[in-house]
Amino acid sequence: MIGKSGSISVLISRIGQVGFAADESRKLTGVELRPDGLARLERETGSTVLDPSAVVAVAWHGETENPPGQFL
């Protein structure tokens, strides 16, 4: 997923589905597990921090794939 174009959908408990576009200008450039236990998803345009213990499911939708994509 790092460096590829597509989209990432994350199902987070008590919140719902959160989507991250990863197109040519916003590709995922890194993932880091911080010392406080939170995960940081870094893109060319900024970053997002989430609690991995609240993640229920993750799906990757590549540009060349038809839904439902790959569930991780």
C-alpha atoms as a PDB file:
ATOM      1  CA  MET A   1       0.000   0.000   0.000  1.00  0.00           C
ATOM      2  CA  ILE A   2       2.894   2.355   0.634  1.00  0.00           C
ATOM      3  CA  GLY A   3       3.603   4.346  -2.516  1.00  0.00           C
ATOM      4  CA  LYS A   4       0.634   2.941  -4.462  1.00  0.00           C
ATOM      5  CA  SER A   5      -2.440   4.790  -5.708  1.00  0.00           C
ATOM      6  CA  GLY A   6      -5.884   3.738  -4.513  1.00  0.00           C
ATOM      7  CA  SER A   7      -7.885   4.152  -1.324  1.00  0.00           C
ATOM      8  CA  ILE A   8      -7.862   2.732   2.182  1.00  0.00           C
ATOM      9  CA  SER A   9     -11.072   2.136   4.144  1.00  0.00           C
ATOM     10  CA  VAL A  10     -10.774   1.567   7.888  1.00  0.00           C
ATOM     11  CA  LEU A  11     -13.689   0.399  10.048  1.00  0.00           C
ATOM     12  CA  ILE A  12     -13.207   1.843  13.541  1.00  0.00           C
ATOM     13  CA  SER A  13     -15.363   0.769  16.493  1.00  0.00           C
ATOM     14  CA  ARG A  14     -17.685   3.462  17.891  1.00  0.00           C
ATOM     15  CA  ILE A  15     -16.855   5.718  14.895  1.00  0.00           C
ATOM     16  CA  GLY A  16     -17.635   3.834  11.695  1.00  0.00           C
ATOM     17  CA  GLN A  17     -15.898   3.798   8.335  1.00  0.00           C
ATOM     18  CA  VAL A  18     -13.072   6.223   7.626  1.00  0.00           C
ATOM     19  CA  GLY A  19     -11.594   6.520   4.146  1.00  0.00           C
ATOM     20  CA  PHE A  20      -8.184   7.755   3.037  1.00  0.00           C
ATOM     21  CA  ALA A  21      -7.555   8.613  -0.614  1.00  0.00           C
ATOM     22  CA  ALA A  22      -4.118   7.669  -1.883  1.00  0.00           C
ATOM     23  CA  ASP A  23      -3.945   9.170  -5.357  1.00  0.00           C
ATOM     24  CA  GLU A  24      -0.917  10.520  -7.221  1.00  0.00           C
ATOM     25  CA  SER A  25      -0.641  13.581  -4.953  1.00  0.00           C
ATOM     26  CA  ARG A  26      -1.581  11.864  -1.663  1.00  0.00           C
ATOM     27  CA  LYS A  27       0.177   8.498  -1.649  1.00  0.00           C
ATOM     28  CA  LEU A  28       0.790   6.722   1.635  1.00  0.00           C
ATOM     29  CA  THR A  29       4.480   7.263   2.389  1.00  0.00           C
ATOM     30  CA  GLY A  30       4.831   5.548   5.765  1.00  0.00           C
ATOM     31  CA  VAL A  31       3.211   3.851   8.738  1.00  0.00           C
ATOM     32  CA  GLU A  32       4.626   4.212  12.241  1.00  0.00           C
ATOM     33  CA  LEU A  33       3.626   2.711  15.581  1.00  0.00           C
ATOM     34  CA  ARG A  34       4.255   5.499  18.068  1.00  0.00           C
ATOM     35  CA  PRO A  35       5.568   4.950  21.646  1.00  0.00           C
ATOM     36  CA  ASP A  36       2.099   5.826  23.015  1.00  0.00           C
ATOM     37  CA  GLY A  37       0.619   2.862  21.085  1.00  0.00           C
ATOM     38  CA  LEU A  38      -1.140   4.927  18.412  1.00  0.00           C
ATOM     39  CA  ALA A  39      -0.501   4.358  14.704  1.00  0.00           C
ATOM     40  CA  ARG A  40       0.479   7.196  12.396  1.00  0.00           C
ATOM     41  CA  LEU A  41      -0.359   6.959   8.688  1.00  0.00           C
ATOM     42  CA  GLU A  42       1.790   9.414   6.775  1.00  0.00           C
ATOM     43  CA  ARG A  43       0.905  10.758   3.322  1.00  0.00           C
ATOM     44  CA  GLU A  44       2.596  13.275   1.049  1.00  0.00           C
ATOM     45  CA  THR A  45      -0.001  15.872   2.129  1.00  0.00           C
ATOM     46  CA  GLY A  46      -0.002  15.207   5.896  1.00  0.00           C
ATOM     47  CA  SER A  47      -0.641  12.478   8.428  1.00  0.00           C
ATOM     48  CA  THR A  48      -3.432  10.800  10.386  1.00  0.00           C
ATOM     49  CA  VAL A  49      -3.177   9.209  13.835  1.00  0.00           C
ATOM     50  CA  LEU A  50      -5.495   6.412  14.968  1.00  0.00           C
ATOM     51  CA  ASP A  51      -5.807   3.909  17.787  1.00  0.00           C
ATOM     52  CA  PRO A  52      -5.077   0.445  16.325  1.00  0.00           C
ATOM     53  CA  SER A  53      -6.999  -1.262  19.153  1.00  0.00           C
ATOM     54  CA  ALA A  54     -10.199   0.347  17.796  1.00  0.00           C
ATOM     55  CA  VAL A  55      -9.643  -0.885  14.209  1.00  0.00           C
ATOM     56  CA  VAL A  56     -12.094  -3.629  13.252  1.00  0.00           C
ATOM     57  CA  ALA A  57     -11.203  -4.045   9.550  1.00  0.00           C
ATOM     58  CA  VAL A  58      -9.050  -2.506   6.826  1.00  0.00           C
ATOM     59  CA  ALA A  59      -9.699  -2.693   3.065  1.00  0.00           C
ATOM     60  CA  TRP A  60      -7.379  -1.601   0.259  1.00  0.00           C
ATOM     61  CA  HIS A  61      -8.883  -0.601  -3.079  1.00  0.00           C
ATOM     62  CA  GLY A  62      -6.192  -0.296  -5.752  1.00  0.00           C
ATOM     63  CA  GLU A  63      -6.826   1.767  -8.869  1.00  0.00           C
ATOM     64  CA  THR A  64      -6.859  -1.294 -11.112  1.00  0.00           C
ATOM     65  CA  GLU A  65      -9.043  -3.484  -8.877  1.00  0.00           C
ATOM     66  CA  ASN A  66     -12.803  -3.723  -8.806  1.00  0.00           C
ATOM     67  CA  PRO A  67     -14.530  -3.621  -5.393  1.00  0.00           C
ATOM     68  CA  PRO A  68     -14.382  -5.075  -2.812  1.00  0.00           C
ATOM     69  CA  GLY A  69     -10.591  -4.783  -2.935  1.00  0.00           C
ATOM     70  CA  GLN A  70      -8.284  -6.572  -0.534  1.00  0.00           C
ATOM     71  CA  PHE A  71      -9.256  -6.942   3.109  1.00  0.00           C
ATOM     72  CA  LEU A  72      -6.274  -6.746   5.448  1.00  0.00           C
END
